[in-house]
Amino acid sequence: MAGQPDDAYDFDSGLKQVAGADATASVLGLSAANGAKFAVLLGGDTPSLATCTAVPETGWTRQIVLATLVPGSKVCVRTSEGRYAWFMTRPGEAVPGALFSANLDYIVYKKTGD
């Protein structure tokens, strides 16, 4: 995911720059879009469906600042289509003109009806 402002990514479909995207890159980091939310996992929390579903409503946010997205950061996602997911950041390659770049390893869990 290149960090150029307005780049967007949809965890539900696994596609970049599509309508209904869950995350958009901004000057400050990642912003949730279309009702999606993020929860940064602290310490040694291991990402899983159980970990993400246990996050209290007060633990969810609509923005993750760039300084939080260091390699190894783990973040739960509630997607715009109501699925739970998580991602972990890896170092990104330099992208000319980008404010930042990050590689994300992620898992999206099925919801009832999938």
PDB file of N, CA and C in Angstrom:
ATOM      1  N   MET A   1       0.857  -1.163   0.000  1.00  0.00           N
ATOM      2  CA  MET A   1       0.000   0.000   0.000  1.00  0.00           C
ATOM      3  C   MET A   1       0.906   1.229   0.000  1.00  0.00           C
ATOM      4  N   ALA A   2       0.948   1.941  -1.090  1.00  0.00           N
ATOM      5  CA  ALA A   2       1.753   3.161  -1.171  1.00  0.00           C
ATOM      6  C   ALA A   2       1.041   4.268  -0.421  1.00  0.00           C
ATOM      7  N   GLY A   3       1.804   5.143   0.200  1.00  0.00           N
ATOM      8  CA  GLY A   3       1.225   6.170   1.036  1.00  0.00           C
ATOM      9  C   GLY A   3       0.987   7.488   0.362  1.00  0.00           C
ATOM     10  N   GLN A   4       0.583   7.472  -0.861  1.00  0.00           N
ATOM     11  CA  GLN A   4       0.247   8.723  -1.505  1.00  0.00           C
ATOM     12  C   GLN A   4      -1.161   9.102  -1.070  1.00  0.00           C
ATOM     13  N   PRO A   5      -1.374  10.391  -0.753  1.00  0.00           N
ATOM     14  CA  PRO A   5      -2.701  10.797  -0.301  1.00  0.00           C
ATOM     15  C   PRO A   5      -3.782  10.333  -1.267  1.00  0.00           C
ATOM     16  N   ASP A   6      -4.853   9.852  -0.688  1.00  0.00           N
ATOM     17  CA  ASP A   6      -6.049   9.403  -1.395  1.00  0.00           C
ATOM     18  C   ASP A   6      -5.923   8.022  -2.020  1.00  0.00           C
ATOM     19  N   ASP A   7      -4.771   7.337  -1.907  1.00  0.00           N
ATOM     20  CA  ASP A   7      -4.742   5.934  -2.288  1.00  0.00           C
ATOM     21  C   ASP A   7      -5.701   5.205  -1.344  1.00  0.00           C
ATOM     22  N   ALA A   8      -6.444   4.257  -1.866  1.00  0.00           N
ATOM     23  CA  ALA A   8      -7.447   3.564  -1.062  1.00  0.00           C
ATOM     24  C   ALA A   8      -7.303   2.060  -1.213  1.00  0.00           C
ATOM     25  N   TYR A   9      -7.698   1.320  -0.160  1.00  0.00           N
ATOM     26  CA  TYR A   9      -7.602  -0.129  -0.172  1.00  0.00           C
ATOM     27  C   TYR A   9      -8.837  -0.730   0.484  1.00  0.00           C
ATOM     28  N   ASP A  10      -9.378  -1.752  -0.133  1.00  0.00           N
ATOM     29  CA  ASP A  10     -10.558  -2.434   0.387  1.00  0.00           C
ATOM     30  C   ASP A  10     -10.168  -3.826   0.879  1.00  0.00           C
ATOM     31  N   PHE A  11     -10.258  -4.038   2.191  1.00  0.00           N
ATOM     32  CA  PHE A  11      -9.909  -5.342   2.760  1.00  0.00           C
ATOM     33  C   PHE A  11     -10.918  -6.413   2.361  1.00  0.00           C
ATOM     34  N   ASP A  12     -12.190  -6.039   2.169  1.00  0.00           N
ATOM     35  CA  ASP A  12     -13.215  -7.025   1.817  1.00  0.00           C
ATOM     36  C   ASP A  12     -12.924  -7.685   0.470  1.00  0.00           C
ATOM     37  N   SER A  13     -12.510  -6.896  -0.502  1.00  0.00           N
ATOM     38  CA  SER A  13     -12.259  -7.436  -1.840  1.00  0.00           C
ATOM     39  C   SER A  13     -10.783  -7.697  -2.115  1.00  0.00           C
ATOM     40  N   GLY A  14      -9.899  -7.095  -1.309  1.00  0.00           N
ATOM     41  CA  GLY A  14      -8.465  -7.226  -1.553  1.00  0.00           C
ATOM     42  C   GLY A  14      -7.983  -6.356  -2.696  1.00  0.00           C
ATOM     43  N   LEU A  15      -8.766  -5.339  -3.056  1.00  0.00           N
ATOM     44  CA  LEU A  15      -8.424  -4.496  -4.192  1.00  0.00           C
ATOM     45  C   LEU A  15      -8.087  -3.072  -3.774  1.00  0.00           C
ATOM     46  N   LYS A  16      -7.272  -2.439  -4.607  1.00  0.00           N
ATOM     47  CA  LYS A  16      -6.873  -1.053  -4.383  1.00  0.00           C
ATOM     48  C   LYS A  16      -7.677  -0.144  -5.308  1.00  0.00           C
ATOM     49  N   GLN A  17      -7.977   1.051  -4.816  1.00  0.00           N
ATOM     50  CA  GLN A  17      -8.656   2.079  -5.594  1.00  0.00           C
ATOM     51  C   GLN A  17     -10.024   1.621  -6.107  1.00  0.00           C
ATOM     52  N   VAL A  18     -10.855   1.076  -5.222  1.00  0.00           N
ATOM     53  CA  VAL A  18     -12.206   0.673  -5.597  1.00  0.00           C
ATOM     54  C   VAL A  18     -13.224   1.410  -4.734  1.00  0.00           C
ATOM     55  N   ALA A  19     -14.432   1.518  -5.231  1.00  0.00           N
ATOM     56  CA  ALA A  19     -15.509   2.122  -4.442  1.00  0.00           C
ATOM     57  C   ALA A  19     -15.745   1.272  -3.198  1.00  0.00           C
ATOM     58  N   GLY A  20     -16.043   1.906  -2.091  1.00  0.00           N
ATOM     59  CA  GLY A  20     -16.299   1.190  -0.846  1.00  0.00           C
ATOM     60  C   GLY A  20     -15.050   0.792  -0.095  1.00  0.00           C
ATOM     61  N   ALA A  21     -13.912   1.405  -0.417  1.00  0.00           N
ATOM     62  CA  ALA A  21     -12.644   1.063   0.235  1.00  0.00           C
ATOM     63  C   ALA A  21     -12.740   1.263   1.751  1.00  0.00           C
ATOM     64  N   ASP A  22     -11.960   0.476   2.486  1.00  0.00           N
ATOM     65  CA  ASP A  22     -11.945   0.542   3.948  1.00  0.00           C
ATOM     66  C   ASP A  22     -10.907   1.510   4.495  1.00  0.00           C
ATOM     67  N   ALA A  23      -9.833   1.734   3.760  1.00  0.00           N
ATOM     68  CA  ALA A  23      -8.737   2.571   4.251  1.00  0.00           C
ATOM     69  C   ALA A  23      -8.232   3.483   3.154  1.00  0.00           C
ATOM     70  N   THR A  24      -7.913   4.703   3.518  1.00  0.00           N
ATOM     71  CA  THR A  24      -7.288   5.630   2.582  1.00  0.00           C
ATOM     72  C   THR A  24      -6.027   6.185   3.210  1.00  0.00           C
ATOM     73  N   ALA A  25      -5.004   6.348   2.384  1.00  0.00           N
ATOM     74  CA  ALA A  25      -3.755   6.948   2.851  1.00  0.00           C
ATOM     75  C   ALA A  25      -3.957   8.461   2.925  1.00  0.00           C
ATOM     76  N   SER A  26      -3.374   9.058   3.949  1.00  0.00           N
ATOM     77  CA  SER A  26      -3.433  10.505   4.091  1.00  0.00           C
ATOM     78  C   SER A  26      -2.079  10.993   4.559  1.00  0.00           C
ATOM     79  N   VAL A  27      -1.929  12.279   4.659  1.00  0.00           N
ATOM     80  CA  VAL A  27      -0.672  12.860   5.123  1.00  0.00           C
ATOM     81  C   VAL A  27      -0.347  12.388   6.535  1.00  0.00           C
ATOM     82  N   LEU A  28      -1.368  12.113   7.337  1.00  0.00           N
ATOM     83  CA  LEU A  28      -1.166  11.722   8.724  1.00  0.00           C
ATOM     84  C   LEU A  28      -1.008  10.225   8.941  1.00  0.00           C
ATOM     85  N   GLY A  29      -1.383   9.398   7.968  1.00  0.00           N
ATOM     86  CA  GLY A  29      -1.316   7.950   8.123  1.00  0.00           C
ATOM     87  C   GLY A  29      -2.426   7.281   7.354  1.00  0.00           C
ATOM     88  N   LEU A  30      -3.190   6.400   8.022  1.00  0.00           N
ATOM     89  CA  LEU A  30      -4.325   5.728   7.392  1.00  0.00           C
ATOM     90  C   LEU A  30      -5.620   6.222   8.022  1.00  0.00           C
ATOM     91  N   SER A  31      -6.601   6.475   7.176  1.00  0.00           N
ATOM     92  CA  SER A  31      -7.923   6.870   7.651  1.00  0.00           C
ATOM     93  C   SER A  31      -8.912   5.793   7.243  1.00  0.00           C
ATOM     94  N   ALA A  32      -9.824   5.468   8.163  1.00  0.00           N
ATOM     95  CA  ALA A  32     -10.886   4.513   7.849  1.00  0.00           C
ATOM     96  C   ALA A  32     -11.919   5.211   6.975  1.00  0.00           C
ATOM     97  N   ALA A  33     -12.534   4.448   6.086  1.00  0.00           N
ATOM     98  CA  ALA A  33     -13.525   5.016   5.180  1.00  0.00           C
ATOM     99  C   ALA A  33     -14.755   4.116   5.134  1.00  0.00           C
ATOM    100  N   ASN A  34     -15.872   4.690   4.757  1.00  0.00           N
ATOM    101  CA  ASN A  34     -17.111   3.945   4.525  1.00  0.00           C
ATOM    102  C   ASN A  34     -17.568   3.128   5.727  1.00  0.00           C
ATOM    103  N   GLY A  35     -17.327   3.657   6.931  1.00  0.00           N
ATOM    104  CA  GLY A  35     -17.781   2.995   8.151  1.00  0.00           C
ATOM    105  C   GLY A  35     -16.801   1.995   8.744  1.00  0.00           C
ATOM    106  N   ALA A  36     -15.676   1.768   8.100  1.00  0.00           N
ATOM    107  CA  ALA A  36     -14.664   0.859   8.649  1.00  0.00           C
ATOM    108  C   ALA A  36     -14.023   1.510   9.881  1.00  0.00           C
ATOM    109  N   LYS A  37     -13.386   0.691  10.717  1.00  0.00           N
ATOM    110  CA  LYS A  37     -12.694   1.193  11.914  1.00  0.00           C
ATOM    111  C   LYS A  37     -11.438   0.363  12.153  1.00  0.00           C
ATOM    112  N   PHE A  38     -10.499   0.964  12.894  1.00  0.00           N
ATOM    113  CA  PHE A  38      -9.235   0.324  13.250  1.00  0.00           C
ATOM    114  C   PHE A  38      -9.094   0.226  14.763  1.00  0.00           C
ATOM    115  N   ALA A  39      -8.337  -0.764  15.218  1.00  0.00           N
ATOM    116  CA  ALA A  39      -7.953  -0.885  16.627  1.00  0.00           C
ATOM    117  C   ALA A  39      -6.509  -1.356  16.657  1.00  0.00           C
ATOM    118  N   VAL A  40      -5.620  -0.495  17.108  1.00  0.00           N
ATOM    119  CA  VAL A  40      -4.205  -0.842  17.195  1.00  0.00           C
ATOM    120  C   VAL A  40      -4.010  -1.799  18.367  1.00  0.00           C
ATOM    121  N   LEU A  41      -3.356  -2.921  18.112  1.00  0.00           N
ATOM    122  CA  LEU A  41      -3.081  -3.892  19.168  1.00  0.00           C
ATOM    123  C   LEU A  41      -1.775  -3.513  19.848  1.00  0.00           C
ATOM    124  N   LEU A  42      -1.767  -3.576  21.152  1.00  0.00           N
ATOM    125  CA  LEU A  42      -0.595  -3.167  21.918  1.00  0.00           C
ATOM    126  C   LEU A  42       0.158  -4.375  22.455  1.00  0.00           C
ATOM    127  N   GLY A  43       1.427  -4.170  22.717  1.00  0.00           N
ATOM    128  CA  GLY A  43       2.243  -5.206  23.334  1.00  0.00           C
ATOM    129  C   GLY A  43       2.324  -6.459  22.503  1.00  0.00           C
ATOM    130  N   GLY A  44       2.224  -7.576  23.180  1.00  0.00           N
ATOM    131  CA  GLY A  44       2.382  -8.863  22.517  1.00  0.00           C
ATOM    132  C   GLY A  44       1.084  -9.470  22.030  1.00  0.00           C
ATOM    133  N   ASP A  45       0.008  -8.678  21.944  1.00  0.00           N
ATOM    134  CA  ASP A  45      -1.259  -9.232  21.463  1.00  0.00           C
ATOM    135  C   ASP A  45      -1.063  -9.921  20.117  1.00  0.00           C
ATOM    136  N   THR A  46      -1.572 -11.131  20.005  1.00  0.00           N
ATOM    137  CA  THR A  46      -1.504 -11.867  18.754  1.00  0.00           C
ATOM    138  C   THR A  46      -2.796 -11.630  17.990  1.00  0.00           C
ATOM    139  N   PRO A  47      -2.715 -11.150  16.755  1.00  0.00           N
ATOM    140  CA  PRO A  47      -3.940 -10.906  15.998  1.00  0.00           C
ATOM    141  C   PRO A  47      -4.693 -12.202  15.732  1.00  0.00           C
ATOM    142  N   SER A  48      -5.998 -12.161  15.924  1.00  0.00           N
ATOM    143  CA  SER A  48      -6.875 -13.301  15.637  1.00  0.00           C
ATOM    144  C   SER A  48      -8.299 -12.774  15.598  1.00  0.00           C
ATOM    145  N   LEU A  49      -9.215 -13.603  15.144  1.00  0.00           N
ATOM    146  CA  LEU A  49     -10.615 -13.207  15.157  1.00  0.00           C
ATOM    147  C   LEU A  49     -11.065 -12.934  16.589  1.00  0.00           C
ATOM    148  N   ALA A  50     -10.664 -13.785  17.522  1.00  0.00           N
ATOM    149  CA  ALA A  50     -11.061 -13.600  18.922  1.00  0.00           C
ATOM    150  C   ALA A  50     -10.506 -12.292  19.483  1.00  0.00           C
ATOM    151  N   THR A  51      -9.256 -11.983  19.169  1.00  0.00           N
ATOM    152  CA  THR A  51      -8.652 -10.742  19.647  1.00  0.00           C
ATOM    153  C   THR A  51      -9.412  -9.536  19.116  1.00  0.00           C
ATOM    154  N   CYS A  52      -9.723  -9.542  17.826  1.00  0.00           N
ATOM    155  CA  CYS A  52     -10.386  -8.388  17.209  1.00  0.00           C
ATOM    156  C   CYS A  52     -11.828  -8.231  17.673  1.00  0.00           C
ATOM    157  N   THR A  53     -12.559  -9.341  17.817  1.00  0.00           N
ATOM    158  CA  THR A  53     -13.951  -9.228  18.261  1.00  0.00           C
ATOM    159  C   THR A  53     -14.042  -8.823  19.729  1.00  0.00           C
ATOM    160  N   ALA A  54     -12.963  -9.018  20.485  1.00  0.00           N
ATOM    161  CA  ALA A  54     -12.965  -8.650  21.902  1.00  0.00           C
ATOM    162  C   ALA A  54     -12.637  -7.178  22.146  1.00  0.00           C
ATOM    163  N   VAL A  55     -12.249  -6.446  21.111  1.00  0.00           N
ATOM    164  CA  VAL A  55     -11.934  -5.026  21.285  1.00  0.00           C
ATOM    165  C   VAL A  55     -13.219  -4.287  21.640  1.00  0.00           C
ATOM    166  N   PRO A  56     -13.228  -3.549  22.771  1.00  0.00           N
ATOM    167  CA  PRO A  56     -14.439  -2.801  23.132  1.00  0.00           C
ATOM    168  C   PRO A  56     -14.678  -1.651  22.153  1.00  0.00           C
ATOM    169  N   GLU A  57     -15.905  -1.187  22.073  1.00  0.00           N
ATOM    170  CA  GLU A  57     -16.251  -0.115  21.132  1.00  0.00           C
ATOM    171  C   GLU A  57     -15.342   1.097  21.311  1.00  0.00           C
ATOM    172  N   THR A  58     -14.947   1.392  22.541  1.00  0.00           N
ATOM    173  CA  THR A  58     -14.079   2.548  22.801  1.00  0.00           C
ATOM    174  C   THR A  58     -12.661   2.348  22.279  1.00  0.00           C
ATOM    175  N   GLY A  59     -12.302   1.115  21.913  1.00  0.00           N
ATOM    176  CA  GLY A  59     -10.958   0.823  21.409  1.00  0.00           C
ATOM    177  C   GLY A  59     -10.808   1.016  19.909  1.00  0.00           C
ATOM    178  N   TRP A  60     -11.908   1.309  19.220  1.00  0.00           N
ATOM    179  CA  TRP A  60     -11.877   1.478  17.767  1.00  0.00           C
ATOM    180  C   TRP A  60     -11.707   2.938  17.407  1.00  0.00           C
ATOM    181  N   THR A  61     -10.998   3.189  16.312  1.00  0.00           N
ATOM    182  CA  THR A  61     -10.740   4.555  15.857  1.00  0.00           C
ATOM    183  C   THR A  61     -10.869   4.632  14.343  1.00  0.00           C
ATOM    184  N   ARG A  62     -10.951   5.838  13.843  1.00  0.00           N
ATOM    185  CA  ARG A  62     -11.079   6.030  12.397  1.00  0.00           C
ATOM    186  C   ARG A  62      -9.765   6.474  11.761  1.00  0.00           C
ATOM    187  N   GLN A  63      -8.714   6.639  12.573  1.00  0.00           N
ATOM    188  CA  GLN A  63      -7.432   7.068  12.000  1.00  0.00           C
ATOM    189  C   GLN A  63      -6.273   6.443  12.758  1.00  0.00           C
ATOM    190  N   ILE A  64      -5.249   6.063  12.003  1.00  0.00           N
ATOM    191  CA  ILE A  64      -4.003   5.569  12.592  1.00  0.00           C
ATOM    192  C   ILE A  64      -2.903   6.505  12.116  1.00  0.00           C
ATOM    193  N   VAL A  65      -2.213   7.115  13.059  1.00  0.00           N
ATOM    194  CA  VAL A  65      -1.164   8.053  12.682  1.00  0.00           C
ATOM    195  C   VAL A  65       0.047   7.292  12.148  1.00  0.00           C
ATOM    196  N   LEU A  66       0.759   7.944  11.256  1.00  0.00           N
ATOM    197  CA  LEU A  66       1.895   7.349  10.565  1.00  0.00           C
ATOM    198  C   LEU A  66       2.919   6.764  11.538  1.00  0.00           C
ATOM    199  N   ALA A  67       3.185   7.448  12.644  1.00  0.00           N
ATOM    200  CA  ALA A  67       4.183   6.984  13.606  1.00  0.00           C
ATOM    201  C   ALA A  67       3.815   5.630  14.211  1.00  0.00           C
ATOM    202  N   THR A  68       2.547   5.259  14.186  1.00  0.00           N
ATOM    203  CA  THR A  68       2.089   3.977  14.724  1.00  0.00           C
ATOM    204  C   THR A  68       2.337   2.833  13.756  1.00  0.00           C
ATOM    205  N   LEU A  69       2.519   3.139  12.486  1.00  0.00           N
ATOM    206  CA  LEU A  69       2.630   2.113  11.454  1.00  0.00           C
ATOM    207  C   LEU A  69       4.064   1.641  11.212  1.00  0.00           C
ATOM    208  N   VAL A  70       4.830   1.519  12.276  1.00  0.00           N
ATOM    209  CA  VAL A  70       6.202   1.014  12.151  1.00  0.00           C
ATOM    210  C   VAL A  70       6.145  -0.483  11.844  1.00  0.00           C
ATOM    211  N   PRO A  71       7.188  -1.035  11.216  1.00  0.00           N
ATOM    212  CA  PRO A  71       7.191  -2.473  10.938  1.00  0.00           C
ATOM    213  C   PRO A  71       6.915  -3.289  12.198  1.00  0.00           C
ATOM    214  N   GLY A  72       6.011  -4.244  12.067  1.00  0.00           N
ATOM    215  CA  GLY A  72       5.622  -5.090  13.191  1.00  0.00           C
ATOM    216  C   GLY A  72       4.355  -4.637  13.889  1.00  0.00           C
ATOM    217  N   SER A  73       3.836  -3.470  13.537  1.00  0.00           N
ATOM    218  CA  SER A  73       2.583  -3.000  14.131  1.00  0.00           C
ATOM    219  C   SER A  73       1.446  -3.931  13.726  1.00  0.00           C
ATOM    220  N   LYS A  74       0.531  -4.178  14.671  1.00  0.00           N
ATOM    221  CA  LYS A  74      -0.609  -5.055  14.420  1.00  0.00           C
ATOM    222  C   LYS A  74      -1.886  -4.253  14.648  1.00  0.00           C
ATOM    223  N   VAL A  75      -2.807  -4.342  13.693  1.00  0.00           N
ATOM    224  CA  VAL A  75      -4.023  -3.542  13.747  1.00  0.00           C
ATOM    225  C   VAL A  75      -5.222  -4.410  13.372  1.00  0.00           C
ATOM    226  N   CYS A  76      -6.275  -4.379  14.201  1.00  0.00           N
ATOM    227  CA  CYS A  76      -7.540  -5.015  13.854  1.00  0.00           C
ATOM    228  C   CYS A  76      -8.336  -4.054  12.979  1.00  0.00           C
ATOM    229  N   VAL A  77      -9.176  -4.607  12.123  1.00  0.00           N
ATOM    230  CA  VAL A  77     -10.022  -3.815  11.227  1.00  0.00           C
ATOM    231  C   VAL A  77     -11.440  -4.356  11.308  1.00  0.00           C
ATOM    232  N   ARG A  78     -12.411  -3.452  11.400  1.00  0.00           N
ATOM    233  CA  ARG A  78     -13.812  -3.796  11.143  1.00  0.00           C
ATOM    234  C   ARG A  78     -14.107  -3.181   9.790  1.00  0.00           C
ATOM    235  N   THR A  79     -14.333  -4.013   8.803  1.00  0.00           N
ATOM    236  CA  THR A  79     -14.467  -3.514   7.432  1.00  0.00           C
ATOM    237  C   THR A  79     -15.823  -2.846   7.204  1.00  0.00           C
ATOM    238  N   SER A  80     -15.905  -2.171   6.086  1.00  0.00           N
ATOM    239  CA  SER A  80     -17.145  -1.489   5.733  1.00  0.00           C
ATOM    240  C   SER A  80     -18.287  -2.472   5.474  1.00  0.00           C
ATOM    241  N   GLU A  81     -17.963  -3.737   5.228  1.00  0.00           N
ATOM    242  CA  GLU A  81     -18.991  -4.757   5.003  1.00  0.00           C
ATOM    243  C   GLU A  81     -19.218  -5.620   6.238  1.00  0.00           C
ATOM    244  N   GLY A  82     -18.667  -5.194   7.401  1.00  0.00           N
ATOM    245  CA  GLY A  82     -18.933  -5.874   8.665  1.00  0.00           C
ATOM    246  C   GLY A  82     -18.076  -7.084   8.956  1.00  0.00           C
ATOM    247  N   ARG A  83     -16.998  -7.267   8.222  1.00  0.00           N
ATOM    248  CA  ARG A  83     -16.075  -8.365   8.518  1.00  0.00           C
ATOM    249  C   ARG A  83     -14.991  -7.878   9.476  1.00  0.00           C
ATOM    250  N   TYR A  84     -14.413  -8.814  10.209  1.00  0.00           N
ATOM    251  CA  TYR A  84     -13.234  -8.512  11.012  1.00  0.00           C
ATOM    252  C   TYR A  84     -12.005  -8.928  10.221  1.00  0.00           C
ATOM    253  N   ALA A  85     -10.946  -8.191  10.411  1.00  0.00           N
ATOM    254  CA  ALA A  85      -9.676  -8.467   9.750  1.00  0.00           C
ATOM    255  C   ALA A  85      -8.570  -7.952  10.657  1.00  0.00           C
ATOM    256  N   TRP A  86      -7.360  -8.278  10.320  1.00  0.00           N
ATOM    257  CA  TRP A  86      -6.203  -7.670  10.977  1.00  0.00           C
ATOM    258  C   TRP A  86      -5.085  -7.566   9.971  1.00  0.00           C
ATOM    259  N   PHE A  87      -4.190  -6.628  10.234  1.00  0.00           N
ATOM    260  CA  PHE A  87      -2.990  -6.535   9.405  1.00  0.00           C
ATOM    261  C   PHE A  87      -1.785  -6.259  10.270  1.00  0.00           C
ATOM    262  N   MET A  88      -0.625  -6.648   9.737  1.00  0.00           N
ATOM    263  CA  MET A  88       0.655  -6.365  10.376  1.00  0.00           C
ATOM    264  C   MET A  88       1.533  -5.699   9.321  1.00  0.00           C
ATOM    265  N   THR A  89       2.225  -4.660   9.713  1.00  0.00           N
ATOM    266  CA  THR A  89       3.046  -3.917   8.753  1.00  0.00           C
ATOM    267  C   THR A  89       4.438  -4.524   8.634  1.00  0.00           C
ATOM    268  N   ARG A  90       4.965  -4.453   7.413  1.00  0.00           N
ATOM    269  CA  ARG A  90       6.352  -4.806   7.119  1.00  0.00           C
ATOM    270  C   ARG A  90       6.986  -3.594   6.463  1.00  0.00           C
ATOM    271  N   PRO A  91       8.298  -3.499   6.457  1.00  0.00           N
ATOM    272  CA  PRO A  91       8.927  -2.348   5.787  1.00  0.00           C
ATOM    273  C   PRO A  91       8.503  -2.287   4.325  1.00  0.00           C
ATOM    274  N   GLY A  92       8.294  -1.091   3.844  1.00  0.00           N
ATOM    275  CA  GLY A  92       7.926  -0.902   2.440  1.00  0.00           C
ATOM    276  C   GLY A  92       9.126  -0.442   1.641  1.00  0.00           C
ATOM    277  N   GLU A  93       9.032  -0.612   0.346  1.00  0.00           N
ATOM    278  CA  GLU A  93      10.072  -0.126  -0.545  1.00  0.00           C
ATOM    279  C   GLU A  93       9.854   1.369  -0.766  1.00  0.00           C
ATOM    280  N   ALA A  94      10.910   2.071  -1.099  1.00  0.00           N
ATOM    281  CA  ALA A  94      10.782   3.491  -1.415  1.00  0.00           C
ATOM    282  C   ALA A  94       9.916   3.638  -2.664  1.00  0.00           C
ATOM    283  N   VAL A  95       8.933   4.518  -2.587  1.00  0.00           N
ATOM    284  CA  VAL A  95       8.047   4.793  -3.719  1.00  0.00           C
ATOM    285  C   VAL A  95       8.220   6.259  -4.071  1.00  0.00           C
ATOM    286  N   PRO A  96       8.740   6.573  -5.263  1.00  0.00           N
ATOM    287  CA  PRO A  96       8.956   7.973  -5.624  1.00  0.00           C
ATOM    288  C   PRO A  96       7.674   8.799  -5.466  1.00  0.00           C
ATOM    289  N   GLY A  97       7.788   9.910  -4.760  1.00  0.00           N
ATOM    290  CA  GLY A  97       6.665  10.810  -4.561  1.00  0.00           C
ATOM    291  C   GLY A  97       5.731  10.415  -3.434  1.00  0.00           C
ATOM    292  N   ALA A  98       5.965   9.257  -2.801  1.00  0.00           N
ATOM    293  CA  ALA A  98       5.088   8.814  -1.720  1.00  0.00           C
ATOM    294  C   ALA A  98       5.528   9.427  -0.397  1.00  0.00           C
ATOM    295  N   LEU A  99       4.559   9.682   0.458  1.00  0.00           N
ATOM    296  CA  LEU A  99       4.862  10.154   1.800  1.00  0.00           C
ATOM    297  C   LEU A  99       5.397   9.013   2.650  1.00  0.00           C
ATOM    298  N   PHE A 100       4.877   7.814   2.408  1.00  0.00           N
ATOM    299  CA  PHE A 100       5.354   6.613   3.083  1.00  0.00           C
ATOM    300  C   PHE A 100       4.933   5.424   2.247  1.00  0.00           C
ATOM    301  N   SER A 101       5.508   4.287   2.531  1.00  0.00           N
ATOM    302  CA  SER A 101       5.009   3.053   1.938  1.00  0.00           C
ATOM    303  C   SER A 101       5.099   1.975   2.997  1.00  0.00           C
ATOM    304  N   ALA A 102       4.186   1.045   2.943  1.00  0.00           N
ATOM    305  CA  ALA A 102       4.181  -0.057   3.893  1.00  0.00           C
ATOM    306  C   ALA A 102       3.643  -1.278   3.177  1.00  0.00           C
ATOM    307  N   ASN A 103       4.179  -2.408   3.525  1.00  0.00           N
ATOM    308  CA  ASN A 103       3.630  -3.674   3.063  1.00  0.00           C
ATOM    309  C   ASN A 103       2.792  -4.225   4.204  1.00  0.00           C
ATOM    310  N   LEU A 104       1.611  -4.703   3.879  1.00  0.00           N
ATOM    311  CA  LEU A 104       0.720  -5.233   4.896  1.00  0.00           C
ATOM    312  C   LEU A 104       0.467  -6.704   4.650  1.00  0.00           C
ATOM    313  N   ASP A 105       0.678  -7.499   5.677  1.00  0.00           N
ATOM    314  CA  ASP A 105       0.211  -8.880   5.664  1.00  0.00           C
ATOM    315  C   ASP A 105      -1.132  -8.833   6.374  1.00  0.00           C
ATOM    316  N   TYR A 106      -2.170  -9.393   5.780  1.00  0.00           N
ATOM    317  CA  TYR A 106      -3.480  -9.281   6.412  1.00  0.00           C
ATOM    318  C   TYR A 106      -4.318 -10.535   6.215  1.00  0.00           C
ATOM    319  N   ILE A 107      -5.291 -10.679   7.096  1.00  0.00           N
ATOM    320  CA  ILE A 107      -6.276 -11.749   7.040  1.00  0.00           C
ATOM    321  C   ILE A 107      -7.643 -11.115   7.237  1.00  0.00           C
ATOM    322  N   VAL A 108      -8.601 -11.528   6.428  1.00  0.00           N
ATOM    323  CA  VAL A 108      -9.991 -11.093   6.561  1.00  0.00           C
ATOM    324  C   VAL A 108     -10.803 -12.338   6.880  1.00  0.00           C
ATOM    325  N   TYR A 109     -11.631 -12.254   7.937  1.00  0.00           N
ATOM    326  CA  TYR A 109     -12.448 -13.389   8.347  1.00  0.00           C
ATOM    327  C   TYR A 109     -13.828 -13.311   7.698  1.00  0.00           C
ATOM    328  N   LYS A 110     -14.380 -14.474   7.361  1.00  0.00           N
ATOM    329  CA  LYS A 110     -15.730 -14.525   6.814  1.00  0.00           C
ATOM    330  C   LYS A 110     -16.719 -14.095   7.890  1.00  0.00           C
ATOM    331  N   LYS A 111     -17.825 -13.542   7.439  1.00  0.00           N
ATOM    332  CA  LYS A 111     -18.917 -13.225   8.356  1.00  0.00           C
ATOM    333  C   LYS A 111     -20.063 -14.169   8.054  1.00  0.00           C
ATOM    334  N   THR A 112     -21.041 -14.201   8.930  1.00  0.00           N
ATOM    335  CA  THR A 112     -22.207 -15.045   8.716  1.00  0.00           C
ATOM    336  C   THR A 112     -22.815 -14.728   7.354  1.00  0.00           C
ATOM    337  N   GLY A 113     -23.037 -15.728   6.568  1.00  0.00           N
ATOM    338  CA  GLY A 113     -23.613 -15.541   5.237  1.00  0.00           C
ATOM    339  C   GLY A 113     -22.588 -15.578   4.109  1.00  0.00           C
ATOM    340  N   ASP A 114     -21.305 -15.533   4.437  1.00  0.00           N
ATOM    341  CA  ASP A 114     -20.264 -15.604   3.403  1.00  0.00           C
ATOM    342  C   ASP A 114     -20.091 -17.031   2.920  1.00  0.00           C
TER     343      ASP A 114
END
